[in-house]
Amino acid sequence: MNQRYAQGPKEVATLGTAELRANFLLEDLMQAGQFNFTYSHYDRAITGSVVPVNEAMELPVYENLRADYFLERRELGIINVGGDGKVAVDGTEYEVNRLDAVYVGKGSKSVVFSSVSAENPAKFFLYSVPAHKEYPHQLVKKENAFPTTVGSKDTANERTIYKYIHLEGARSCQMVMGLTILSTGSVWNTMPSHVHDRRMESYFYFDVPEDQVVFHFMGQPQETRHLVVQNHQAIISPPWSIHSGGGTSNYGFIWAMAGENLVYSDMDAVAIKDLR
């Protein structure tokens, strides 16, 4: 498991492009037949992925967790961005199709991932945070994920937000998780921008065409930086940072948060004219 340490805004303001990428960009997700995890010291969130191809793959335990099994003191959110798949939690199997989600609660000893077809394997985005209370496992289908359309074509940010793990959906201890899909012709996500000082966030970009990119903006509102992101790459976003992106085409992204509370709308808005 990779490690990323927490950094403050003054330190980040001095970083060059390569250093920014080394600290905040996760480039090697969605590798066939592999688990890939990065442990962040922002709220001790783990961002990762698994792509089972020819055989089922069970969630391993890692030495740095100092646990008997991965979810001994943690909970897990799963969203599939690939072909049809299955997730078995302590023997209970769920059919997880494209853009479906599964919440797995604290104390689950066995989580097994598999694909229906090796030619079109499932691609599971994984997000795990510490938990102090057990909540029941739950499959959330895309069509039941409270879709809400916001933004407009006039400002190139018309998008549909799907909420999976939140107060009115699958309950968790401290995780909020969902995804956003931009309409054709729209490229800006989370614009106008915001920060939420009470929790960190991970962004995972998907459905970015092979010859296109997303410019992800981070940093304090008055001192922004950017990272160029390709398909199936993720960003670790500190609590003090904005997290907005503009793409060279439309795309989708998963957002996963953890920290002080479960209120989706807990954010501090930043006017576009105040960004620097």
Protein backbone atom coordinates (compact mmCIF):
# COMPACT_ATOMS: atom_id res chain seq x y z
CA MET A 1 0.00 0.00 0.00
CA ASN A 2 1.37 3.39 -1.02
CA GLN A 3 1.56 6.24 1.49
CA ARG A 4 0.88 9.95 1.00
CA TYR A 5 1.54 12.36 3.86
CA ALA A 6 -0.48 15.45 4.71
CA GLN A 7 0.81 18.88 3.65
CA GLY A 8 -0.36 22.40 4.47
CA PRO A 9 -1.20 25.20 2.03
CA LYS A 10 2.05 27.11 2.58
CA GLU A 11 4.14 24.06 1.67
CA VAL A 12 2.00 23.19 -1.35
CA ALA A 13 2.29 26.75 -2.67
CA THR A 14 6.02 26.16 -3.21
CA LEU A 15 5.71 22.87 -5.13
CA GLY A 16 6.44 22.48 -8.82
CA THR A 17 4.49 20.34 -11.27
CA ALA A 18 6.35 17.07 -10.61
CA GLU A 19 6.09 17.52 -6.83
CA LEU A 20 2.37 18.30 -7.01
CA ARG A 21 1.77 15.18 -9.06
CA ALA A 22 3.87 13.02 -6.72
CA ASN A 23 1.87 14.18 -3.69
CA PHE A 24 -1.71 14.41 -4.94
CA LEU A 25 -2.18 12.43 -8.20
CA LEU A 26 -2.81 8.67 -8.26
CA GLU A 27 -1.85 7.48 -11.75
CA ASP A 28 -1.80 3.67 -11.63
CA LEU A 29 -5.37 2.72 -10.77
CA MET A 30 -7.42 0.11 -12.65
CA GLN A 31 -4.64 -2.37 -13.42
CA ALA A 32 -5.89 -5.79 -14.57
CA GLY A 33 -5.67 -8.47 -11.89
CA GLN A 34 -4.40 -6.11 -9.19
CA PHE A 35 -5.45 -4.28 -6.06
CA ASN A 36 -3.99 -0.78 -5.88
CA PHE A 37 -4.28 1.27 -2.68
CA THR A 38 -2.91 4.59 -1.43
CA TYR A 39 -3.15 5.53 2.24
CA SER A 40 -3.52 9.27 2.80
CA HIS A 41 -2.84 10.96 6.12
CA TYR A 42 -5.69 13.37 5.39
CA ASP A 43 -8.38 11.76 7.56
CA ARG A 44 -6.57 8.40 7.06
CA ALA A 45 -8.58 7.75 3.90
CA ILE A 46 -7.56 4.93 1.57
CA THR A 47 -8.22 5.37 -2.15
CA GLY A 48 -7.87 2.38 -4.44
CA SER A 49 -9.13 0.00 -7.09
CA VAL A 50 -9.32 -3.61 -8.20
CA VAL A 51 -9.90 -5.15 -11.64
CA PRO A 52 -10.66 -8.88 -11.37
CA VAL A 53 -10.35 -10.57 -14.74
CA ASN A 54 -10.10 -14.37 -14.85
CA GLU A 55 -10.65 -15.16 -11.19
CA ALA A 56 -12.22 -13.73 -8.06
CA MET A 57 -10.02 -11.55 -5.87
CA GLU A 58 -10.41 -11.19 -2.10
CA LEU A 59 -9.67 -7.95 -0.28
CA PRO A 60 -6.27 -8.44 1.41
CA VAL A 61 -4.99 -7.03 4.67
CA TYR A 62 -1.91 -4.80 4.79
CA GLU A 63 0.79 -4.62 7.43
CA ASN A 64 0.49 -0.86 7.92
CA LEU A 65 -3.17 -1.23 9.03
CA ARG A 66 -2.10 -3.30 12.07
CA ALA A 67 -5.36 -5.23 11.77
CA ASP A 68 -6.38 -8.87 11.47
CA TYR A 69 -8.45 -8.03 8.38
CA PHE A 70 -8.91 -4.91 6.22
CA LEU A 71 -12.27 -3.80 7.64
CA GLU A 72 -11.62 -4.61 11.29
CA ARG A 73 -11.81 -0.87 12.09
CA ARG A 74 -12.86 0.50 8.70
CA GLU A 75 -15.77 0.82 6.28
CA LEU A 76 -15.63 0.56 2.47
CA GLY A 77 -17.40 2.20 -0.46
CA ILE A 78 -17.33 0.52 -3.90
CA ILE A 79 -18.43 1.86 -7.30
CA ASN A 80 -18.07 -0.14 -10.53
CA VAL A 81 -17.04 1.87 -13.62
CA GLY A 82 -16.43 -1.16 -15.87
CA GLY A 83 -18.32 -4.23 -17.04
CA ASP A 84 -20.78 -6.21 -14.93
CA GLY A 85 -19.32 -7.62 -11.74
CA LYS A 86 -20.09 -9.20 -8.40
CA VAL A 87 -19.11 -8.39 -4.83
CA ALA A 88 -19.49 -11.00 -2.09
CA VAL A 89 -19.46 -9.73 1.52
CA ASP A 90 -19.05 -12.48 4.11
CA GLY A 91 -20.76 -14.88 1.71
CA THR A 92 -23.62 -12.61 0.58
CA GLU A 93 -23.23 -11.87 -3.14
CA TYR A 94 -24.35 -8.69 -4.89
CA GLU A 95 -24.61 -8.14 -8.65
CA VAL A 96 -22.81 -4.85 -9.25
CA ASN A 97 -23.32 -3.53 -12.76
CA ARG A 98 -21.78 -0.42 -14.28
CA LEU A 99 -22.19 2.62 -11.98
CA ASP A 100 -23.77 0.57 -9.19
CA ALA A 101 -22.34 0.93 -5.68
CA VAL A 102 -21.92 -1.20 -2.57
CA TYR A 103 -21.44 -0.01 0.99
CA VAL A 104 -19.57 -2.48 3.24
CA GLY A 105 -19.68 -1.84 6.96
CA LYS A 106 -17.08 -2.17 9.69
CA GLY A 107 -16.32 -5.71 10.82
CA SER A 108 -16.76 -7.46 7.47
CA LYS A 109 -14.08 -10.13 7.29
CA SER A 110 -14.32 -11.19 3.65
CA VAL A 111 -14.95 -9.03 0.56
CA VAL A 112 -14.53 -10.83 -2.77
CA PHE A 113 -14.61 -9.14 -6.20
CA SER A 114 -15.26 -10.83 -9.54
CA SER A 115 -16.19 -10.02 -13.14
CA VAL A 116 -18.98 -11.57 -15.17
CA SER A 117 -16.84 -11.46 -18.33
CA ALA A 118 -13.05 -11.47 -18.63
CA GLU A 119 -13.41 -9.67 -21.98
CA ASN A 120 -15.22 -6.77 -20.29
CA PRO A 121 -14.10 -6.92 -16.65
CA ALA A 122 -15.57 -4.96 -13.80
CA LYS A 123 -13.47 -2.01 -12.64
CA PHE A 124 -14.10 -1.27 -8.99
CA PHE A 125 -13.15 2.07 -7.44
CA LEU A 126 -12.60 1.60 -3.69
CA TYR A 127 -12.62 4.10 -0.84
CA SER A 128 -12.13 3.23 2.82
CA VAL A 129 -12.03 5.28 6.02
CA PRO A 130 -11.89 4.51 9.75
CA ALA A 131 -15.22 3.64 11.36
CA HIS A 132 -16.37 3.35 14.96
CA LYS A 133 -19.87 1.96 14.34
CA GLU A 134 -21.23 -0.87 12.22
CA TYR A 135 -23.81 -0.18 9.52
CA PRO A 136 -25.44 -2.84 7.30
CA HIS A 137 -24.06 -3.69 3.88
CA GLN A 138 -26.11 -2.27 1.04
CA LEU A 139 -26.22 -2.44 -2.75
CA VAL A 140 -27.25 0.84 -4.38
CA LYS A 141 -28.26 0.68 -8.03
CA LYS A 142 -27.52 3.71 -10.21
CA GLU A 143 -31.21 4.34 -10.86
CA ASN A 144 -31.86 4.56 -7.10
CA ALA A 145 -29.01 6.99 -6.37
CA PHE A 146 -31.05 10.21 -6.08
CA PRO A 147 -30.01 11.76 -9.44
CA THR A 148 -30.08 15.57 -9.45
CA THR A 149 -29.25 17.76 -12.45
CA VAL A 150 -27.48 21.07 -11.72
CA GLY A 151 -25.61 23.74 -13.68
CA SER A 152 -26.46 24.80 -17.22
CA LYS A 153 -25.28 24.49 -20.80
CA ASP A 154 -24.75 28.26 -20.90
CA THR A 155 -21.92 27.97 -18.35
CA ALA A 156 -20.66 24.59 -19.66
CA ASN A 157 -21.34 22.86 -16.33
CA GLU A 158 -24.63 20.99 -16.76
CA ARG A 159 -24.19 17.75 -14.83
CA THR A 160 -26.11 15.01 -13.05
CA ILE A 161 -25.12 14.13 -9.48
CA TYR A 162 -25.76 10.62 -8.13
CA LYS A 163 -25.61 10.18 -4.33
CA TYR A 164 -24.98 6.65 -3.10
CA ILE A 165 -23.60 6.74 0.45
CA HIS A 166 -25.08 9.65 2.46
CA LEU A 167 -27.63 10.48 5.14
CA GLU A 168 -30.67 9.75 2.96
CA GLY A 169 -29.11 6.80 1.09
CA ALA A 170 -26.86 3.95 2.23
CA ARG A 171 -25.85 4.93 5.77
CA SER A 172 -22.23 4.95 6.85
CA CYS A 173 -20.17 5.91 9.86
CA GLN A 174 -18.34 8.86 8.28
CA MET A 175 -18.29 8.34 4.51
CA VAL A 176 -20.13 10.30 1.80
CA MET A 177 -19.78 8.96 -1.74
CA GLY A 178 -21.29 9.34 -5.18
CA LEU A 179 -20.53 10.36 -8.74
CA THR A 180 -21.19 13.10 -11.27
CA ILE A 181 -21.67 12.80 -15.03
CA LEU A 182 -21.29 15.86 -17.24
CA SER A 183 -23.69 16.43 -20.12
CA THR A 184 -22.42 16.56 -23.69
CA GLY A 185 -20.94 20.01 -24.30
CA SER A 186 -20.29 20.64 -20.60
CA VAL A 187 -16.78 20.38 -19.16
CA TRP A 188 -16.69 22.14 -15.76
CA ASN A 189 -17.23 20.13 -12.59
CA THR A 190 -17.85 21.65 -9.15
CA MET A 191 -17.94 25.17 -10.53
CA PRO A 192 -18.55 27.54 -8.77
CA SER A 193 -15.96 25.99 -6.50
CA HIS A 194 -15.89 25.40 -2.75
CA VAL A 195 -13.83 24.04 0.11
CA HIS A 196 -15.01 22.00 3.09
CA ASP A 197 -12.52 22.39 5.88
CA ARG A 198 -14.18 19.60 7.87
CA ARG A 199 -13.34 16.71 5.54
CA MET A 200 -11.00 15.52 2.81
CA GLU A 201 -12.09 14.28 -0.60
CA SER A 202 -10.88 11.94 -3.32
CA TYR A 203 -11.79 12.54 -6.98
CA PHE A 204 -11.62 9.68 -9.49
CA TYR A 205 -12.01 10.61 -13.16
CA PHE A 206 -13.54 8.13 -15.63
CA ASP A 207 -14.99 8.13 -19.15
CA VAL A 208 -12.30 10.62 -20.18
CA PRO A 209 -11.63 9.89 -23.89
CA GLU A 210 -8.17 8.54 -24.62
CA ASP A 211 -7.04 11.70 -26.43
CA GLN A 212 -8.54 14.13 -23.91
CA VAL A 213 -7.62 15.31 -20.37
CA VAL A 214 -9.07 17.10 -17.37
CA PHE A 215 -7.36 20.08 -15.75
CA HIS A 216 -7.99 19.58 -12.03
CA PHE A 217 -7.63 22.72 -9.92
CA MET A 218 -6.54 22.58 -6.28
CA GLY A 219 -5.03 24.89 -3.67
CA GLN A 220 -6.42 27.74 -1.64
CA PRO A 221 -9.00 29.84 -3.51
CA GLN A 222 -6.61 32.78 -3.81
CA GLU A 223 -3.59 30.65 -4.79
CA THR A 224 -4.69 27.84 -7.09
CA ARG A 225 -2.62 25.14 -8.76
CA HIS A 226 -3.58 22.61 -11.42
CA LEU A 227 -2.90 18.98 -12.28
CA VAL A 228 -3.46 17.40 -15.70
CA VAL A 229 -5.46 14.20 -15.21
CA GLN A 230 -6.15 11.33 -17.60
CA ASN A 231 -8.76 8.59 -17.57
CA HIS A 232 -8.88 6.37 -14.46
CA GLN A 233 -6.63 8.62 -12.42
CA ALA A 234 -7.52 10.10 -9.04
CA ILE A 235 -6.77 13.17 -6.94
CA ILE A 236 -6.30 13.37 -3.18
CA SER A 237 -7.87 16.69 -2.18
CA PRO A 238 -6.90 18.25 1.19
CA PRO A 239 -9.62 19.78 3.39
CA TRP A 240 -8.28 23.31 2.81
CA SER A 241 -8.23 23.01 -0.98
CA ILE A 242 -10.70 23.73 -3.74
CA HIS A 243 -11.41 20.79 -6.04
CA SER A 244 -12.71 21.76 -9.46
CA GLY A 245 -11.96 20.55 -12.94
CA GLY A 246 -12.32 21.60 -16.54
CA GLY A 247 -12.01 19.00 -19.28
CA THR A 248 -11.26 19.09 -22.97
CA SER A 249 -14.45 17.02 -23.34
CA ASN A 250 -17.24 15.85 -21.05
CA TYR A 251 -16.49 12.99 -18.61
CA GLY A 252 -17.51 11.51 -15.25
CA PHE A 253 -15.97 11.51 -11.81
CA ILE A 254 -16.48 9.78 -8.48
CA TRP A 255 -16.32 11.89 -5.33
CA ALA A 256 -15.65 10.29 -1.97
CA MET A 257 -15.42 12.23 1.29
CA ALA A 258 -14.76 11.60 4.96
CA GLY A 259 -14.27 13.73 8.03
CA GLU A 260 -16.31 15.66 10.55
CA ASN A 261 -19.88 14.96 9.41
CA LEU A 262 -22.14 13.31 6.83
CA VAL A 263 -23.92 16.43 5.56
CA TYR A 264 -23.45 16.48 1.78
CA SER A 265 -24.06 20.24 1.59
CA ASP A 266 -21.45 21.15 4.24
CA MET A 267 -19.20 23.34 2.11
CA ASP A 268 -17.86 26.88 1.98
CA ALA A 269 -18.64 28.40 -1.40
CA VAL A 270 -16.09 30.45 -3.34
CA ALA A 271 -17.31 33.01 -5.87
CA ILE A 272 -15.78 32.54 -9.32
CA LYS A 273 -14.62 36.16 -9.39
CA ASP A 274 -12.64 35.58 -6.15
CA LEU A 275 -10.50 32.76 -7.53
CA ARG A 276 -6.86 33.54 -8.19
